[in-house]
Amino acid sequence: MSFPIPLTFAERFRRWYAYERDSSAKALEMLRSVPVEARTSPQFTRAVGKMAHLVAARHMWLYRLGVVT
């Protein structure tokens, strides 16, 4: 039986980044798909708040990694 070669940190980071990018694109597309007249609903406002939290968390991690200032 052979075991897979462990990923390097850079490879794991690239995989995480690709996953994050794909997930964010899907979340933004979901928000864009909501009809304009429904965008004042509490559910939409909550979804936008959660997306804003994710963006802020991503920015904080990029700051910690020295990518953004």
PDB file of N, CA and C in Angstrom:
ATOM      1  N   MET A   1       0.844  -1.166   0.000  1.00  0.00           N
ATOM      2  CA  MET A   1       0.000   0.000   0.000  1.00  0.00           C
ATOM      3  C   MET A   1       0.896   1.238   0.000  1.00  0.00           C
ATOM      4  N   SER A   2       0.582   2.199  -0.871  1.00  0.00           N
ATOM      5  CA  SER A   2       1.373   3.426  -0.905  1.00  0.00           C
ATOM      6  C   SER A   2       0.582   4.564  -0.266  1.00  0.00           C
ATOM      7  N   PHE A   3       1.299   5.450   0.353  1.00  0.00           N
ATOM      8  CA  PHE A   3       0.685   6.598   1.003  1.00  0.00           C
ATOM      9  C   PHE A   3       0.994   7.843   0.183  1.00  0.00           C
ATOM     10  N   PRO A   4       0.044   8.781   0.123  1.00  0.00           N
ATOM     11  CA  PRO A   4       0.296  10.010  -0.643  1.00  0.00           C
ATOM     12  C   PRO A   4       1.404  10.829   0.008  1.00  0.00           C
ATOM     13  N   ILE A   5       2.138  11.534  -0.811  1.00  0.00           N
ATOM     14  CA  ILE A   5       3.188  12.413  -0.303  1.00  0.00           C
ATOM     15  C   ILE A   5       2.511  13.622   0.331  1.00  0.00           C
ATOM     16  N   PRO A   6       2.902  13.967   1.556  1.00  0.00           N
ATOM     17  CA  PRO A   6       2.278  15.119   2.206  1.00  0.00           C
ATOM     18  C   PRO A   6       2.515  16.399   1.405  1.00  0.00           C
ATOM     19  N   LEU A   7       1.515  17.271   1.440  1.00  0.00           N
ATOM     20  CA  LEU A   7       1.637  18.551   0.748  1.00  0.00           C
ATOM     21  C   LEU A   7       2.569  19.474   1.525  1.00  0.00           C
ATOM     22  N   THR A   8       3.291  20.295   0.794  1.00  0.00           N
ATOM     23  CA  THR A   8       4.106  21.309   1.456  1.00  0.00           C
ATOM     24  C   THR A   8       3.172  22.402   1.955  1.00  0.00           C
ATOM     25  N   PHE A   9       3.699  23.276   2.813  1.00  0.00           N
ATOM     26  CA  PHE A   9       2.881  24.378   3.308  1.00  0.00           C
ATOM     27  C   PHE A   9       2.387  25.237   2.157  1.00  0.00           C
ATOM     28  N   ALA A  10       3.244  25.520   1.190  1.00  0.00           N
ATOM     29  CA  ALA A  10       2.855  26.343   0.044  1.00  0.00           C
ATOM     30  C   ALA A  10       1.734  25.676  -0.750  1.00  0.00           C
ATOM     31  N   GLU A  11       1.822  24.362  -0.923  1.00  0.00           N
ATOM     32  CA  GLU A  11       0.779  23.642  -1.658  1.00  0.00           C
ATOM     33  C   GLU A  11      -0.549  23.659  -0.895  1.00  0.00           C
ATOM     34  N   ARG A  12      -0.461  23.475   0.417  1.00  0.00           N
ATOM     35  CA  ARG A  12      -1.682  23.546   1.228  1.00  0.00           C
ATOM     36  C   ARG A  12      -2.282  24.937   1.159  1.00  0.00           C
ATOM     37  N   PHE A  13      -1.444  25.982   1.229  1.00  0.00           N
ATOM     38  CA  PHE A  13      -1.928  27.354   1.161  1.00  0.00           C
ATOM     39  C   PHE A  13      -2.597  27.619  -0.180  1.00  0.00           C
ATOM     40  N   ARG A  14      -2.000  27.153  -1.265  1.00  0.00           N
ATOM     41  CA  ARG A  14      -2.613  27.333  -2.589  1.00  0.00           C
ATOM     42  C   ARG A  14      -3.977  26.646  -2.657  1.00  0.00           C
ATOM     43  N   ARG A  15      -4.072  25.460  -2.086  1.00  0.00           N
ATOM     44  CA  ARG A  15      -5.349  24.737  -2.075  1.00  0.00           C
ATOM     45  C   ARG A  15      -6.384  25.484  -1.237  1.00  0.00           C
ATOM     46  N   TRP A  16      -5.985  25.975  -0.058  1.00  0.00           N
ATOM     47  CA  TRP A  16      -6.901  26.750   0.790  1.00  0.00           C
ATOM     48  C   TRP A  16      -7.349  28.021   0.082  1.00  0.00           C
ATOM     49  N   TYR A  17      -6.411  28.678  -0.580  1.00  0.00           N
ATOM     50  CA  TYR A  17      -6.724  29.922  -1.279  1.00  0.00           C
ATOM     51  C   TYR A  17      -7.708  29.658  -2.422  1.00  0.00           C
ATOM     52  N   ALA A  18      -7.499  28.600  -3.178  1.00  0.00           N
ATOM     53  CA  ALA A  18      -8.412  28.258  -4.276  1.00  0.00           C
ATOM     54  C   ALA A  18      -9.805  27.954  -3.722  1.00  0.00           C
ATOM     55  N   TYR A  19      -9.870  27.229  -2.621  1.00  0.00           N
ATOM     56  CA  TYR A  19     -11.156  26.926  -1.990  1.00  0.00           C
ATOM     57  C   TYR A  19     -11.829  28.213  -1.522  1.00  0.00           C
ATOM     58  N   GLU A  20     -11.077  29.065  -0.869  1.00  0.00           N
ATOM     59  CA  GLU A  20     -11.605  30.338  -0.372  1.00  0.00           C
ATOM     60  C   GLU A  20     -12.111  31.208  -1.523  1.00  0.00           C
ATOM     61  N   ARG A  21     -11.340  31.290  -2.572  1.00  0.00           N
ATOM     62  CA  ARG A  21     -11.727  32.092  -3.738  1.00  0.00           C
ATOM     63  C   ARG A  21     -13.016  31.549  -4.354  1.00  0.00           C
ATOM     64  N   ASP A  22     -13.107  30.250  -4.509  1.00  0.00           N
ATOM     65  CA  ASP A  22     -14.302  29.633  -5.077  1.00  0.00           C
ATOM     66  C   ASP A  22     -15.515  29.848  -4.176  1.00  0.00           C
ATOM     67  N   SER A  23     -15.335  29.666  -2.872  1.00  0.00           N
ATOM     68  CA  SER A  23     -16.440  29.857  -1.933  1.00  0.00           C
ATOM     69  C   SER A  23     -16.933  31.297  -1.929  1.00  0.00           C
ATOM     70  N   SER A  24     -16.015  32.242  -1.968  1.00  0.00           N
ATOM     71  CA  SER A  24     -16.399  33.656  -1.979  1.00  0.00           C
ATOM     72  C   SER A  24     -17.136  34.010  -3.256  1.00  0.00           C
ATOM     73  N   ALA A  25     -16.681  33.502  -4.374  1.00  0.00           N
ATOM     74  CA  ALA A  25     -17.354  33.772  -5.646  1.00  0.00           C
ATOM     75  C   ALA A  25     -18.780  33.227  -5.628  1.00  0.00           C
ATOM     76  N   LYS A  26     -18.964  32.047  -5.073  1.00  0.00           N
ATOM     77  CA  LYS A  26     -20.301  31.462  -4.986  1.00  0.00           C
ATOM     78  C   LYS A  26     -21.192  32.277  -4.054  1.00  0.00           C
ATOM     79  N   ALA A  27     -20.645  32.736  -2.929  1.00  0.00           N
ATOM     80  CA  ALA A  27     -21.430  33.537  -1.982  1.00  0.00           C
ATOM     81  C   ALA A  27     -21.839  34.865  -2.613  1.00  0.00           C
ATOM     82  N   LEU A  28     -20.919  35.516  -3.315  1.00  0.00           N
ATOM     83  CA  LEU A  28     -21.258  36.774  -3.980  1.00  0.00           C
ATOM     84  C   LEU A  28     -22.306  36.564  -5.066  1.00  0.00           C
ATOM     85  N   GLU A  29     -22.190  35.493  -5.818  1.00  0.00           N
ATOM     86  CA  GLU A  29     -23.182  35.192  -6.852  1.00  0.00           C
ATOM     87  C   GLU A  29     -24.545  34.946  -6.221  1.00  0.00           C
ATOM     88  N   MET A  30     -24.560  34.278  -5.089  1.00  0.00           N
ATOM     89  CA  MET A  30     -25.812  34.039  -4.382  1.00  0.00           C
ATOM     90  C   MET A  30     -26.451  35.373  -3.978  1.00  0.00           C
ATOM     91  N   LEU A  31     -25.655  36.293  -3.429  1.00  0.00           N
ATOM     92  CA  LEU A  31     -26.192  37.598  -3.034  1.00  0.00           C
ATOM     93  C   LEU A  31     -26.688  38.380  -4.242  1.00  0.00           C
ATOM     94  N   ARG A  32     -25.960  38.315  -5.351  1.00  0.00           N
ATOM     95  CA  ARG A  32     -26.378  39.008  -6.572  1.00  0.00           C
ATOM     96  C   ARG A  32     -27.675  38.438  -7.149  1.00  0.00           C
ATOM     97  N   SER A  33     -27.954  37.169  -6.875  1.00  0.00           N
ATOM     98  CA  SER A  33     -29.133  36.528  -7.452  1.00  0.00           C
ATOM     99  C   SER A  33     -30.432  36.939  -6.761  1.00  0.00           C
ATOM    100  N   VAL A  34     -30.315  37.576  -5.601  1.00  0.00           N
ATOM    101  CA  VAL A  34     -31.519  38.001  -4.881  1.00  0.00           C
ATOM    102  C   VAL A  34     -32.139  39.189  -5.619  1.00  0.00           C
ATOM    103  N   PRO A  35     -33.427  39.127  -5.916  1.00  0.00           N
ATOM    104  CA  PRO A  35     -34.071  40.241  -6.608  1.00  0.00           C
ATOM    105  C   PRO A  35     -33.935  41.544  -5.816  1.00  0.00           C
ATOM    106  N   VAL A  36     -33.811  42.638  -6.522  1.00  0.00           N
ATOM    107  CA  VAL A  36     -33.597  43.942  -5.886  1.00  0.00           C
ATOM    108  C   VAL A  36     -34.661  44.233  -4.833  1.00  0.00           C
ATOM    109  N   GLU A  37     -35.907  43.909  -5.133  1.00  0.00           N
ATOM    110  CA  GLU A  37     -36.988  44.212  -4.183  1.00  0.00           C
ATOM    111  C   GLU A  37     -36.905  43.388  -2.898  1.00  0.00           C
ATOM    112  N   ALA A  38     -36.162  42.294  -2.902  1.00  0.00           N
ATOM    113  CA  ALA A  38     -36.020  41.453  -1.709  1.00  0.00           C
ATOM    114  C   ALA A  38     -34.771  41.803  -0.896  1.00  0.00           C
ATOM    115  N   ARG A  39     -33.999  42.751  -1.363  1.00  0.00           N
ATOM    116  CA  ARG A  39     -32.727  43.058  -0.696  1.00  0.00           C
ATOM    117  C   ARG A  39     -32.867  43.905   0.563  1.00  0.00           C
ATOM    118  N   THR A  40     -34.069  44.274   0.909  1.00  0.00           N
ATOM    119  CA  THR A  40     -34.291  45.004   2.159  1.00  0.00           C
ATOM    120  C   THR A  40     -34.788  44.075   3.263  1.00  0.00           C
ATOM    121  N   SER A  41     -34.935  42.793   2.949  1.00  0.00           N
ATOM    122  CA  SER A  41     -35.439  41.830   3.933  1.00  0.00           C
ATOM    123  C   SER A  41     -34.404  41.577   5.021  1.00  0.00           C
ATOM    124  N   PRO A  42     -34.863  41.208   6.216  1.00  0.00           N
ATOM    125  CA  PRO A  42     -33.926  40.879   7.302  1.00  0.00           C
ATOM    126  C   PRO A  42     -32.986  39.726   6.932  1.00  0.00           C
ATOM    127  N   GLN A  43     -33.479  38.765   6.163  1.00  0.00           N
ATOM    128  CA  GLN A  43     -32.652  37.619   5.781  1.00  0.00           C
ATOM    129  C   GLN A  43     -31.496  38.056   4.882  1.00  0.00           C
ATOM    130  N   PHE A  44     -31.776  38.938   3.939  1.00  0.00           N
ATOM    131  CA  PHE A  44     -30.717  39.414   3.046  1.00  0.00           C
ATOM    132  C   PHE A  44     -29.712  40.263   3.825  1.00  0.00           C
ATOM    133  N   THR A  45     -30.223  41.130   4.685  1.00  0.00           N
ATOM    134  CA  THR A  45     -29.338  41.965   5.506  1.00  0.00           C
ATOM    135  C   THR A  45     -28.419  41.096   6.355  1.00  0.00           C
ATOM    136  N   ARG A  46     -28.965  40.030   6.907  1.00  0.00           N
ATOM    137  CA  ARG A  46     -28.151  39.115   7.714  1.00  0.00           C
ATOM    138  C   ARG A  46     -27.091  38.425   6.862  1.00  0.00           C
ATOM    139  N   ALA A  47     -27.471  37.999   5.658  1.00  0.00           N
ATOM    140  CA  ALA A  47     -26.518  37.339   4.754  1.00  0.00           C
ATOM    141  C   ALA A  47     -25.388  38.295   4.370  1.00  0.00           C
ATOM    142  N   VAL A  48     -25.729  39.554   4.106  1.00  0.00           N
ATOM    143  CA  VAL A  48     -24.696  40.544   3.774  1.00  0.00           C
ATOM    144  C   VAL A  48     -23.776  40.760   4.976  1.00  0.00           C
ATOM    145  N   GLY A  49     -24.336  40.787   6.171  1.00  0.00           N
ATOM    146  CA  GLY A  49     -23.519  40.936   7.380  1.00  0.00           C
ATOM    147  C   GLY A  49     -22.548  39.785   7.568  1.00  0.00           C
ATOM    148  N   LYS A  50     -23.004  38.578   7.286  1.00  0.00           N
ATOM    149  CA  LYS A  50     -22.116  37.409   7.392  1.00  0.00           C
ATOM    150  C   LYS A  50     -21.008  37.465   6.348  1.00  0.00           C
ATOM    151  N   MET A  51     -21.344  37.909   5.142  1.00  0.00           N
ATOM    152  CA  MET A  51     -20.330  38.039   4.093  1.00  0.00           C
ATOM    153  C   MET A  51     -19.310  39.105   4.481  1.00  0.00           C
ATOM    154  N   ALA A  52     -19.782  40.198   5.051  1.00  0.00           N
ATOM    155  CA  ALA A  52     -18.865  41.251   5.506  1.00  0.00           C
ATOM    156  C   ALA A  52     -17.922  40.722   6.583  1.00  0.00           C
ATOM    157  N   HIS A  53     -18.435  39.883   7.466  1.00  0.00           N
ATOM    158  CA  HIS A  53     -17.597  39.277   8.501  1.00  0.00           C
ATOM    159  C   HIS A  53     -16.506  38.408   7.869  1.00  0.00           C
ATOM    160  N   LEU A  54     -16.873  37.627   6.862  1.00  0.00           N
ATOM    161  CA  LEU A  54     -15.890  36.782   6.178  1.00  0.00           C
ATOM    162  C   LEU A  54     -14.812  37.619   5.488  1.00  0.00           C
ATOM    163  N   VAL A  55     -15.231  38.708   4.862  1.00  0.00           N
ATOM    164  CA  VAL A  55     -14.265  39.594   4.189  1.00  0.00           C
ATOM    165  C   VAL A  55     -13.315  40.202   5.212  1.00  0.00           C
ATOM    166  N   ALA A  56     -13.854  40.651   6.345  1.00  0.00           N
ATOM    167  CA  ALA A  56     -13.007  41.237   7.387  1.00  0.00           C
ATOM    168  C   ALA A  56     -12.027  40.202   7.951  1.00  0.00           C
ATOM    169  N   ALA A  57     -12.505  38.973   8.148  1.00  0.00           N
ATOM    170  CA  ALA A  57     -11.628  37.912   8.660  1.00  0.00           C
ATOM    171  C   ALA A  57     -10.521  37.598   7.658  1.00  0.00           C
ATOM    172  N   ARG A  58     -10.862  37.551   6.387  1.00  0.00           N
ATOM    173  CA  ARG A  58      -9.854  37.297   5.347  1.00  0.00           C
ATOM    174  C   ARG A  58      -8.810  38.417   5.336  1.00  0.00           C
ATOM    175  N   HIS A  59      -9.275  39.644   5.440  1.00  0.00           N
ATOM    176  CA  HIS A  59      -8.352  40.780   5.462  1.00  0.00           C
ATOM    177  C   HIS A  59      -7.403  40.681   6.656  1.00  0.00           C
ATOM    178  N   MET A  60      -7.932  40.287   7.813  1.00  0.00           N
ATOM    179  CA  MET A  60      -7.094  40.158   9.009  1.00  0.00           C
ATOM    180  C   MET A  60      -6.028  39.083   8.800  1.00  0.00           C
ATOM    181  N   TRP A  61      -6.391  37.953   8.207  1.00  0.00           N
ATOM    182  CA  TRP A  61      -5.407  36.898   7.954  1.00  0.00           C
ATOM    183  C   TRP A  61      -4.360  37.345   6.943  1.00  0.00           C
ATOM    184  N   LEU A  62      -4.782  38.059   5.917  1.00  0.00           N
ATOM    185  CA  LEU A  62      -3.815  38.561   4.944  1.00  0.00           C
ATOM    186  C   LEU A  62      -2.879  39.576   5.596  1.00  0.00           C
ATOM    187  N   TYR A  63      -3.399  40.371   6.511  1.00  0.00           N
ATOM    188  CA  TYR A  63      -2.548  41.316   7.260  1.00  0.00           C
ATOM    189  C   TYR A  63      -1.532  40.552   8.100  1.00  0.00           C
ATOM    190  N   ARG A  64      -1.987  39.514   8.787  1.00  0.00           N
ATOM    191  CA  ARG A  64      -1.089  38.704   9.623  1.00  0.00           C
ATOM    192  C   ARG A  64      -0.009  38.022   8.794  1.00  0.00           C
ATOM    193  N   LEU A  65      -0.353  37.680   7.551  1.00  0.00           N
ATOM    194  CA  LEU A  65       0.635  37.062   6.656  1.00  0.00           C
ATOM    195  C   LEU A  65       1.549  38.076   5.978  1.00  0.00           C
ATOM    196  N   GLY A  66       1.254  39.361   6.198  1.00  0.00           N
ATOM    197  CA  GLY A  66       2.087  40.418   5.617  1.00  0.00           C
ATOM    198  C   GLY A  66       1.753  40.750   4.181  1.00  0.00           C
ATOM    199  N   VAL A  67       0.560  40.326   3.721  1.00  0.00           N
ATOM    200  CA  VAL A  67       0.171  40.556   2.331  1.00  0.00           C
ATOM    201  C   VAL A  67      -0.465  41.946   2.167  1.00  0.00           C
ATOM    202  N   VAL A  68      -1.245  42.381   3.137  1.00  0.00           N
ATOM    203  CA  VAL A  68      -1.878  43.705   3.101  1.00  0.00           C
ATOM    204  C   VAL A  68      -1.449  44.486   4.332  1.00  0.00           C
ATOM    205  N   THR A  69      -1.558  45.795   4.232  1.00  0.00           N
ATOM    206  CA  THR A  69      -1.191  46.653   5.386  1.00  0.00           C
ATOM    207  C   THR A  69      -2.387  47.393   5.898  1.00  0.00           C
TER     208      THR A  69
END
